[in-house]
Amino acid sequence: MIKRIILIVVIIGIHQIVNAQMMVNARMGQKKFDKPLNVAVFVYNGVGLGDMNGPIDVFTKAGNMTGGQYHVYTVALKPGTVTTQAGGLKFMPDYTPDQMPQPDILVIPGGSVGLADSMRYDQPVLNFIKQHGEKAQVLMSICTAAYFVGQTGAFDGHKVTTHFFQAEDLQKQFPKSTVIQDVRFVDDGKLVTASGVTTGIDASLHLVARFSGDRMEKLVEGAIQYTMKEHDEWPEAVGGMRFDRGMREQLKMLMPHQ
């Protein structure tokens, strides 16, 4: 008799949980999805911690709140430990390119401007971005990553942005693109570019709105106590200076990505 009562209580409990979940889903207007969206965050020695962690946090929380719509992982070209900018953190990436699931959203964080500029000539990096970026639904560049993402030809004919300090230089380097100022991110369809560091959070929230709806985006905003903005007047650099390829020493003192 006692076992029967326990069984009935368990069945009722399961039924209530299922009904509660259905009500939550209905209230949130949750979109249906056939399979999780793979969100790959490309990492490398010297990657900016803020550039990398912002999108990871946004998409991870969105994945939890949608019941698994986003599968977030890191990928590095080679196996082994990755050290973030200025030795801030050491960690083991989830995958190498030959192991990872094909990304639906490919996130490319920046690093120091000197490193990012030199990565324009790193052919394995360019090949990775070109190969997987073309197959992805969205290719997202954050901050200084614009230099080596743009080198793949992905910026040609597109509106883009980057960190305010080197925006003018980026326009000179990639004249086939149009660099937009006073924004936190630019959505040009398949290509999404974020300005500096924390703006990767804004761009990621924007993509949550695109794939999961505005209500879900607002829920994630609340979870991280952050308000997404697309337009934002850029700050003025110290002394009104702008990036100059001959002033790397001054740059080390001024840029957040060092």
C-alpha atoms as a PDB file:
ATOM      1  CA  MET A   1       0.000   0.000   0.000  1.00  0.00           C
ATOM      2  CA  ILE A   2       2.797   2.405   0.965  1.00  0.00           C
ATOM      3  CA  LYS A   3       4.687   1.621  -2.263  1.00  0.00           C
ATOM      4  CA  ARG A   4       1.550   2.357  -4.269  1.00  0.00           C
ATOM      5  CA  ILE A   5       1.106   5.719  -2.544  1.00  0.00           C
ATOM      6  CA  ILE A   6       4.760   6.607  -3.196  1.00  0.00           C
ATOM      7  CA  LEU A   7       4.361   5.656  -6.869  1.00  0.00           C
ATOM      8  CA  ILE A   8       1.274   7.838  -7.207  1.00  0.00           C
ATOM      9  CA  VAL A   9       3.081  10.772  -5.576  1.00  0.00           C
ATOM     10  CA  VAL A  10       6.054  10.356  -7.934  1.00  0.00           C
ATOM     11  CA  ILE A  11       3.787  10.228 -10.995  1.00  0.00           C
ATOM     12  CA  ILE A  12       1.920  13.337  -9.867  1.00  0.00           C
ATOM     13  CA  GLY A  13       5.229  15.106  -9.198  1.00  0.00           C
ATOM     14  CA  ILE A  14       6.588  14.291 -12.655  1.00  0.00           C
ATOM     15  CA  HIS A  15       3.338  15.443 -14.246  1.00  0.00           C
ATOM     16  CA  GLN A  16       3.507  18.747 -12.374  1.00  0.00           C
ATOM     17  CA  ILE A  17       7.138  19.306 -13.394  1.00  0.00           C
ATOM     18  CA  VAL A  18       6.347  18.644 -17.058  1.00  0.00           C
ATOM     19  CA  ASN A  19       3.354  20.974 -16.957  1.00  0.00           C
ATOM     20  CA  ALA A  20       5.390  23.674 -15.224  1.00  0.00           C
ATOM     21  CA  GLN A  21       8.117  23.437 -17.865  1.00  0.00           C
ATOM     22  CA  MET A  22       5.550  23.659 -20.646  1.00  0.00           C
ATOM     23  CA  MET A  23       4.070  26.767 -19.026  1.00  0.00           C
ATOM     24  CA  VAL A  24       7.500  28.378 -18.718  1.00  0.00           C
ATOM     25  CA  ASN A  25       8.263  27.624 -22.359  1.00  0.00           C
ATOM     26  CA  ALA A  26       4.937  29.032 -23.490  1.00  0.00           C
ATOM     27  CA  ARG A  27       5.347  32.196 -21.432  1.00  0.00           C
ATOM     28  CA  MET A  28       8.820  32.792 -22.783  1.00  0.00           C
ATOM     29  CA  GLY A  29       7.730  32.300 -26.389  1.00  0.00           C
ATOM     30  CA  GLN A  30      10.642  29.899 -26.771  1.00  0.00           C
ATOM     31  CA  LYS A  31      11.453  29.050 -30.375  1.00  0.00           C
ATOM     32  CA  LYS A  32      11.622  25.409 -31.377  1.00  0.00           C
ATOM     33  CA  PHE A  33      14.932  24.093 -32.677  1.00  0.00           C
ATOM     34  CA  ASP A  34      15.870  20.826 -34.325  1.00  0.00           C
ATOM     35  CA  LYS A  35      19.403  20.715 -32.927  1.00  0.00           C
ATOM     36  CA  PRO A  36      21.653  22.911 -30.790  1.00  0.00           C
ATOM     37  CA  LEU A  37      23.504  25.750 -32.467  1.00  0.00           C
ATOM     38  CA  ASN A  38      27.230  25.095 -32.235  1.00  0.00           C
ATOM     39  CA  VAL A  39      29.026  28.203 -30.963  1.00  0.00           C
ATOM     40  CA  ALA A  40      32.782  27.854 -31.499  1.00  0.00           C
ATOM     41  CA  VAL A  41      35.083  30.363 -29.807  1.00  0.00           C
ATOM     42  CA  PHE A  42      38.518  30.407 -31.442  1.00  0.00           C
ATOM     43  CA  VAL A  43      41.344  30.710 -28.899  1.00  0.00           C
ATOM     44  CA  TYR A  44      45.104  31.146 -29.184  1.00  0.00           C
ATOM     45  CA  ASN A  45      48.056  32.217 -27.058  1.00  0.00           C
ATOM     46  CA  GLY A  46      47.535  35.900 -26.273  1.00  0.00           C
ATOM     47  CA  VAL A  47      43.757  35.930 -26.774  1.00  0.00           C
ATOM     48  CA  GLY A  48      41.996  38.700 -24.842  1.00  0.00           C
ATOM     49  CA  LEU A  49      40.252  37.368 -21.754  1.00  0.00           C
ATOM     50  CA  GLY A  50      37.340  39.821 -21.974  1.00  0.00           C
ATOM     51  CA  ASP A  51      36.886  39.253 -25.707  1.00  0.00           C
ATOM     52  CA  MET A  52      36.701  35.512 -25.120  1.00  0.00           C
ATOM     53  CA  ASN A  53      34.732  35.258 -21.877  1.00  0.00           C
ATOM     54  CA  GLY A  54      31.926  37.704 -22.704  1.00  0.00           C
ATOM     55  CA  PRO A  55      30.451  35.674 -25.584  1.00  0.00           C
ATOM     56  CA  ILE A  56      31.069  32.379 -23.757  1.00  0.00           C
ATOM     57  CA  ASP A  57      29.059  33.593 -20.767  1.00  0.00           C
ATOM     58  CA  VAL A  58      26.197  34.978 -22.869  1.00  0.00           C
ATOM     59  CA  PHE A  59      25.772  31.897 -25.049  1.00  0.00           C
ATOM     60  CA  THR A  60      26.232  29.495 -22.120  1.00  0.00           C
ATOM     61  CA  LYS A  61      23.493  31.228 -20.137  1.00  0.00           C
ATOM     62  CA  ALA A  62      21.272  31.347 -23.217  1.00  0.00           C
ATOM     63  CA  GLY A  63      21.873  27.633 -23.683  1.00  0.00           C
ATOM     64  CA  ASN A  64      20.818  26.903 -20.111  1.00  0.00           C
ATOM     65  CA  MET A  65      17.749  29.119 -20.314  1.00  0.00           C
ATOM     66  CA  THR A  66      16.557  27.660 -23.617  1.00  0.00           C
ATOM     67  CA  GLY A  67      17.043  24.075 -22.557  1.00  0.00           C
ATOM     68  CA  GLY A  68      20.092  23.539 -24.742  1.00  0.00           C
ATOM     69  CA  GLN A  69      19.712  25.650 -27.874  1.00  0.00           C
ATOM     70  CA  TYR A  70      23.401  26.619 -27.781  1.00  0.00           C
ATOM     71  CA  HIS A  71      26.392  24.280 -27.554  1.00  0.00           C
ATOM     72  CA  VAL A  72      29.403  26.426 -26.638  1.00  0.00           C
ATOM     73  CA  TYR A  73      32.998  25.257 -26.941  1.00  0.00           C
ATOM     74  CA  THR A  74      36.530  26.554 -27.469  1.00  0.00           C
ATOM     75  CA  VAL A  75      38.798  25.512 -30.321  1.00  0.00           C
ATOM     76  CA  ALA A  76      42.544  26.009 -30.853  1.00  0.00           C
ATOM     77  CA  LEU A  77      44.637  25.098 -33.871  1.00  0.00           C
ATOM     78  CA  LYS A  78      46.892  22.806 -31.846  1.00  0.00           C
ATOM     79  CA  PRO A  79      46.348  20.610 -28.770  1.00  0.00           C
ATOM     80  CA  GLY A  80      47.739  21.832 -25.468  1.00  0.00           C
ATOM     81  CA  THR A  81      47.340  24.663 -22.998  1.00  0.00           C
ATOM     82  CA  VAL A  82      46.409  28.167 -24.171  1.00  0.00           C
ATOM     83  CA  THR A  83      47.601  31.226 -22.244  1.00  0.00           C
ATOM     84  CA  THR A  84      45.488  34.368 -22.452  1.00  0.00           C
ATOM     85  CA  GLN A  85      46.821  37.875 -22.888  1.00  0.00           C
ATOM     86  CA  ALA A  86      49.540  38.937 -20.450  1.00  0.00           C
ATOM     87  CA  GLY A  87      49.499  35.459 -18.890  1.00  0.00           C
ATOM     88  CA  GLY A  88      46.139  36.095 -17.266  1.00  0.00           C
ATOM     89  CA  LEU A  89      44.785  32.550 -17.508  1.00  0.00           C
ATOM     90  CA  LYS A  90      45.909  29.135 -18.682  1.00  0.00           C
ATOM     91  CA  PHE A  91      43.346  26.587 -19.851  1.00  0.00           C
ATOM     92  CA  MET A  92      42.864  23.585 -22.100  1.00  0.00           C
ATOM     93  CA  PRO A  93      40.641  24.217 -25.155  1.00  0.00           C
ATOM     94  CA  ASP A  94      37.838  21.768 -25.879  1.00  0.00           C
ATOM     95  CA  TYR A  95      38.779  20.899 -29.455  1.00  0.00           C
ATOM     96  CA  THR A  96      41.205  21.190 -32.314  1.00  0.00           C
ATOM     97  CA  PRO A  97      39.700  21.831 -35.779  1.00  0.00           C
ATOM     98  CA  ASP A  98      39.746  18.176 -36.846  1.00  0.00           C
ATOM     99  CA  GLN A  99      37.748  17.183 -33.744  1.00  0.00           C
ATOM    100  CA  MET A 100      35.226  19.979 -33.325  1.00  0.00           C
ATOM    101  CA  PRO A 101      31.602  20.020 -34.472  1.00  0.00           C
ATOM    102  CA  GLN A 102      31.050  22.343 -37.433  1.00  0.00           C
ATOM    103  CA  PRO A 103      30.255  25.796 -35.985  1.00  0.00           C
ATOM    104  CA  ASP A 104      26.969  27.546 -36.662  1.00  0.00           C
ATOM    105  CA  ILE A 105      28.359  30.653 -34.971  1.00  0.00           C
ATOM    106  CA  LEU A 106      32.122  31.189 -35.175  1.00  0.00           C
ATOM    107  CA  VAL A 107      33.429  33.728 -32.654  1.00  0.00           C
ATOM    108  CA  ILE A 108      36.901  35.222 -33.184  1.00  0.00           C
ATOM    109  CA  PRO A 109      38.140  37.217 -30.155  1.00  0.00           C
ATOM    110  CA  GLY A 110      40.945  39.760 -30.391  1.00  0.00           C
ATOM    111  CA  GLY A 111      44.246  40.132 -28.568  1.00  0.00           C
ATOM    112  CA  SER A 112      46.858  42.868 -28.444  1.00  0.00           C
ATOM    113  CA  VAL A 113      46.813  44.985 -31.571  1.00  0.00           C
ATOM    114  CA  GLY A 114      50.404  43.973 -32.332  1.00  0.00           C
ATOM    115  CA  LEU A 115      49.545  40.282 -32.101  1.00  0.00           C
ATOM    116  CA  ALA A 116      46.344  40.685 -34.089  1.00  0.00           C
ATOM    117  CA  ASP A 117      48.149  42.578 -36.829  1.00  0.00           C
ATOM    118  CA  SER A 118      50.848  39.898 -37.044  1.00  0.00           C
ATOM    119  CA  MET A 119      48.194  37.178 -37.276  1.00  0.00           C
ATOM    120  CA  ARG A 120      47.206  38.632 -40.642  1.00  0.00           C
ATOM    121  CA  TYR A 121      50.170  36.672 -41.978  1.00  0.00           C
ATOM    122  CA  ASP A 122      49.497  33.434 -40.078  1.00  0.00           C
ATOM    123  CA  GLN A 123      48.204  31.248 -42.900  1.00  0.00           C
ATOM    124  CA  PRO A 124      46.874  28.378 -40.735  1.00  0.00           C
ATOM    125  CA  VAL A 125      44.780  30.900 -38.772  1.00  0.00           C
ATOM    126  CA  LEU A 126      43.455  32.489 -41.955  1.00  0.00           C
ATOM    127  CA  ASN A 127      42.679  29.082 -43.460  1.00  0.00           C
ATOM    128  CA  PHE A 128      40.749  28.058 -40.343  1.00  0.00           C
ATOM    129  CA  ILE A 129      38.639  31.229 -40.314  1.00  0.00           C
ATOM    130  CA  LYS A 130      37.968  31.094 -44.032  1.00  0.00           C
ATOM    131  CA  GLN A 131      37.068  27.404 -44.106  1.00  0.00           C
ATOM    132  CA  HIS A 132      34.772  27.353 -41.090  1.00  0.00           C
ATOM    133  CA  GLY A 133      33.543  30.931 -41.353  1.00  0.00           C
ATOM    134  CA  GLU A 134      32.165  30.301 -44.831  1.00  0.00           C
ATOM    135  CA  LYS A 135      30.195  27.283 -43.592  1.00  0.00           C
ATOM    136  CA  ALA A 136      28.893  28.975 -40.426  1.00  0.00           C
ATOM    137  CA  GLN A 137      25.629  30.883 -40.233  1.00  0.00           C
ATOM    138  CA  VAL A 138      27.442  33.738 -38.483  1.00  0.00           C
ATOM    139  CA  LEU A 139      31.084  34.828 -38.382  1.00  0.00           C
ATOM    140  CA  MET A 140      31.705  37.200 -35.474  1.00  0.00           C
ATOM    141  CA  SER A 141      34.860  39.283 -35.057  1.00  0.00           C
ATOM    142  CA  ILE A 142      35.593  41.035 -31.761  1.00  0.00           C
ATOM    143  CA  CYS A 143      37.868  44.058 -31.309  1.00  0.00           C
ATOM    144  CA  THR A 144      41.342  43.668 -32.858  1.00  0.00           C
ATOM    145  CA  ALA A 145      40.440  40.314 -34.414  1.00  0.00           C
ATOM    146  CA  ALA A 146      39.147  42.498 -37.240  1.00  0.00           C
ATOM    147  CA  TYR A 147      42.706  42.621 -38.586  1.00  0.00           C
ATOM    148  CA  PHE A 148      43.078  38.918 -39.251  1.00  0.00           C
ATOM    149  CA  VAL A 149      39.406  38.195 -39.953  1.00  0.00           C
ATOM    150  CA  GLY A 150      39.467  40.996 -42.510  1.00  0.00           C
ATOM    151  CA  GLN A 151      42.597  39.517 -44.059  1.00  0.00           C
ATOM    152  CA  THR A 152      40.560  36.470 -45.152  1.00  0.00           C
ATOM    153  CA  GLY A 153      38.478  38.701 -47.438  1.00  0.00           C
ATOM    154  CA  ALA A 154      35.420  38.387 -45.183  1.00  0.00           C
ATOM    155  CA  PHE A 155      35.144  42.190 -44.835  1.00  0.00           C
ATOM    156  CA  ASP A 156      35.089  43.006 -48.544  1.00  0.00           C
ATOM    157  CA  GLY A 157      31.874  44.846 -49.399  1.00  0.00           C
ATOM    158  CA  HIS A 158      30.670  44.824 -45.780  1.00  0.00           C
ATOM    159  CA  LYS A 159      30.058  47.321 -43.007  1.00  0.00           C
ATOM    160  CA  VAL A 160      32.310  46.502 -40.040  1.00  0.00           C
ATOM    161  CA  THR A 161      33.676  47.932 -36.818  1.00  0.00           C
ATOM    162  CA  THR A 162      36.569  47.442 -34.397  1.00  0.00           C
ATOM    163  CA  HIS A 163      38.115  49.044 -31.309  1.00  0.00           C
ATOM    164  CA  PHE A 164      37.847  52.836 -31.577  1.00  0.00           C
ATOM    165  CA  PHE A 165      41.611  53.299 -31.257  1.00  0.00           C
ATOM    166  CA  GLN A 166      42.486  51.627 -34.559  1.00  0.00           C
ATOM    167  CA  ALA A 167      39.262  52.170 -36.537  1.00  0.00           C
ATOM    168  CA  GLU A 168      40.878  54.649 -38.925  1.00  0.00           C
ATOM    169  CA  ASP A 169      43.812  52.328 -39.536  1.00  0.00           C
ATOM    170  CA  LEU A 170      41.474  49.395 -40.176  1.00  0.00           C
ATOM    171  CA  GLN A 171      39.727  51.411 -42.878  1.00  0.00           C
ATOM    172  CA  LYS A 172      43.083  52.050 -44.550  1.00  0.00           C
ATOM    173  CA  GLN A 173      44.042  48.384 -44.362  1.00  0.00           C
ATOM    174  CA  PHE A 174      40.720  47.155 -45.772  1.00  0.00           C
ATOM    175  CA  PRO A 175      39.468  49.837 -48.175  1.00  0.00           C
ATOM    176  CA  LYS A 176      36.836  47.497 -49.668  1.00  0.00           C
ATOM    177  CA  SER A 177      34.989  47.571 -46.340  1.00  0.00           C
ATOM    178  CA  THR A 178      33.191  50.442 -44.603  1.00  0.00           C
ATOM    179  CA  VAL A 179      34.255  50.926 -40.980  1.00  0.00           C
ATOM    180  CA  ILE A 180      31.381  52.226 -38.843  1.00  0.00           C
ATOM    181  CA  GLN A 181      32.150  54.386 -35.801  1.00  0.00           C
ATOM    182  CA  ASP A 182      30.208  55.130 -32.594  1.00  0.00           C
ATOM    183  CA  VAL A 183      28.699  51.652 -32.424  1.00  0.00           C
ATOM    184  CA  ARG A 184      29.187  48.669 -30.143  1.00  0.00           C
ATOM    185  CA  PHE A 185      28.596  46.193 -32.943  1.00  0.00           C
ATOM    186  CA  VAL A 186      27.600  45.996 -36.593  1.00  0.00           C
ATOM    187  CA  ASP A 187      25.278  43.316 -37.959  1.00  0.00           C
ATOM    188  CA  ASP A 188      25.804  42.934 -41.693  1.00  0.00           C
ATOM    189  CA  GLY A 189      23.973  39.658 -42.138  1.00  0.00           C
ATOM    190  CA  LYS A 190      26.287  36.703 -41.888  1.00  0.00           C
ATOM    191  CA  LEU A 191      29.119  38.948 -40.677  1.00  0.00           C
ATOM    192  CA  VAL A 192      28.849  40.488 -37.205  1.00  0.00           C
ATOM    193  CA  THR A 193      31.683  42.661 -35.879  1.00  0.00           C
ATOM    194  CA  ALA A 194      32.070  44.057 -32.356  1.00  0.00           C
ATOM    195  CA  SER A 195      34.015  47.140 -31.322  1.00  0.00           C
ATOM    196  CA  GLY A 196      36.218  46.819 -28.227  1.00  0.00           C
ATOM    197  CA  VAL A 197      36.410  44.080 -25.573  1.00  0.00           C
ATOM    198  CA  THR A 198      33.056  44.208 -23.699  1.00  0.00           C
ATOM    199  CA  THR A 199      31.143  44.959 -26.891  1.00  0.00           C
ATOM    200  CA  GLY A 200      31.408  41.259 -27.660  1.00  0.00           C
ATOM    201  CA  ILE A 201      28.729  40.885 -24.978  1.00  0.00           C
ATOM    202  CA  ASP A 202      26.415  43.230 -26.898  1.00  0.00           C
ATOM    203  CA  ALA A 203      27.019  41.419 -30.177  1.00  0.00           C
ATOM    204  CA  SER A 204      26.380  38.050 -28.526  1.00  0.00           C
ATOM    205  CA  LEU A 205      23.147  39.255 -26.920  1.00  0.00           C
ATOM    206  CA  HIS A 206      22.090  40.557 -30.315  1.00  0.00           C
ATOM    207  CA  LEU A 207      22.606  37.089 -31.781  1.00  0.00           C
ATOM    208  CA  VAL A 208      20.596  35.529 -28.954  1.00  0.00           C
ATOM    209  CA  ALA A 209      17.760  37.856 -29.966  1.00  0.00           C
ATOM    210  CA  ARG A 210      18.173  36.794 -33.585  1.00  0.00           C
ATOM    211  CA  PHE A 211      18.101  33.058 -32.912  1.00  0.00           C
ATOM    212  CA  SER A 212      15.998  32.831 -29.730  1.00  0.00           C
ATOM    213  CA  GLY A 213      13.818  35.934 -29.772  1.00  0.00           C
ATOM    214  CA  ASP A 214      13.792  39.282 -27.982  1.00  0.00           C
ATOM    215  CA  ARG A 215      12.267  37.907 -24.797  1.00  0.00           C
ATOM    216  CA  MET A 216      15.045  35.388 -24.340  1.00  0.00           C
ATOM    217  CA  GLU A 217      17.637  38.090 -25.006  1.00  0.00           C
ATOM    218  CA  LYS A 218      16.085  40.204 -22.238  1.00  0.00           C
ATOM    219  CA  LEU A 219      16.168  37.248 -19.853  1.00  0.00           C
ATOM    220  CA  VAL A 220      19.878  36.765 -20.509  1.00  0.00           C
ATOM    221  CA  GLU A 221      20.451  40.512 -20.050  1.00  0.00           C
ATOM    222  CA  GLY A 222      18.802  40.255 -16.644  1.00  0.00           C
ATOM    223  CA  ALA A 223      20.872  37.223 -15.703  1.00  0.00           C
ATOM    224  CA  ILE A 224      24.143  39.069 -16.309  1.00  0.00           C
ATOM    225  CA  GLN A 225      22.844  42.513 -15.225  1.00  0.00           C
ATOM    226  CA  TYR A 226      23.756  44.098 -18.533  1.00  0.00           C
ATOM    227  CA  THR A 227      21.900  46.270 -21.040  1.00  0.00           C
ATOM    228  CA  MET A 228      22.690  45.694 -24.696  1.00  0.00           C
ATOM    229  CA  LYS A 229      23.344  48.746 -26.849  1.00  0.00           C
ATOM    230  CA  GLU A 230      24.038  48.936 -30.564  1.00  0.00           C
ATOM    231  CA  HIS A 231      24.946  52.615 -30.848  1.00  0.00           C
ATOM    232  CA  ASP A 232      27.347  54.229 -28.402  1.00  0.00           C
ATOM    233  CA  GLU A 233      29.488  57.346 -28.719  1.00  0.00           C
ATOM    234  CA  TRP A 234      33.081  56.226 -28.694  1.00  0.00           C
ATOM    235  CA  PRO A 235      35.466  57.579 -26.038  1.00  0.00           C
ATOM    236  CA  GLU A 236      38.282  59.905 -26.968  1.00  0.00           C
ATOM    237  CA  ALA A 237      41.743  58.386 -26.771  1.00  0.00           C
ATOM    238  CA  VAL A 238      44.267  59.972 -24.422  1.00  0.00           C
ATOM    239  CA  GLY A 239      45.473  63.190 -26.010  1.00  0.00           C
ATOM    240  CA  GLY A 240      43.278  62.501 -29.044  1.00  0.00           C
ATOM    241  CA  MET A 241      45.803  59.954 -30.298  1.00  0.00           C
ATOM    242  CA  ARG A 242      44.935  57.262 -32.832  1.00  0.00           C
ATOM    243  CA  PHE A 243      46.736  54.091 -33.824  1.00  0.00           C
ATOM    244  CA  ASP A 244      49.901  54.683 -35.794  1.00  0.00           C
ATOM    245  CA  ARG A 245      51.984  51.802 -37.072  1.00  0.00           C
ATOM    246  CA  GLY A 246      55.115  53.556 -35.901  1.00  0.00           C
ATOM    247  CA  MET A 247      54.052  54.053 -32.274  1.00  0.00           C
ATOM    248  CA  ARG A 248      53.932  50.577 -30.787  1.00  0.00           C
ATOM    249  CA  GLU A 249      55.648  51.665 -27.561  1.00  0.00           C
ATOM    250  CA  GLN A 250      53.038  54.336 -26.840  1.00  0.00           C
ATOM    251  CA  LEU A 251      50.349  51.829 -27.744  1.00  0.00           C
ATOM    252  CA  LYS A 252      51.450  49.462 -24.978  1.00  0.00           C
ATOM    253  CA  MET A 253      50.551  52.115 -22.406  1.00  0.00           C
ATOM    254  CA  LEU A 254      47.228  53.099 -23.974  1.00  0.00           C
ATOM    255  CA  MET A 255      45.524  49.977 -25.262  1.00  0.00           C
ATOM    256  CA  PRO A 256      43.505  47.643 -23.025  1.00  0.00           C
ATOM    257  CA  HIS A 257      44.677  44.704 -25.122  1.00  0.00           C
ATOM    258  CA  GLN A 258      48.262  44.321 -23.954  1.00  0.00           C
END
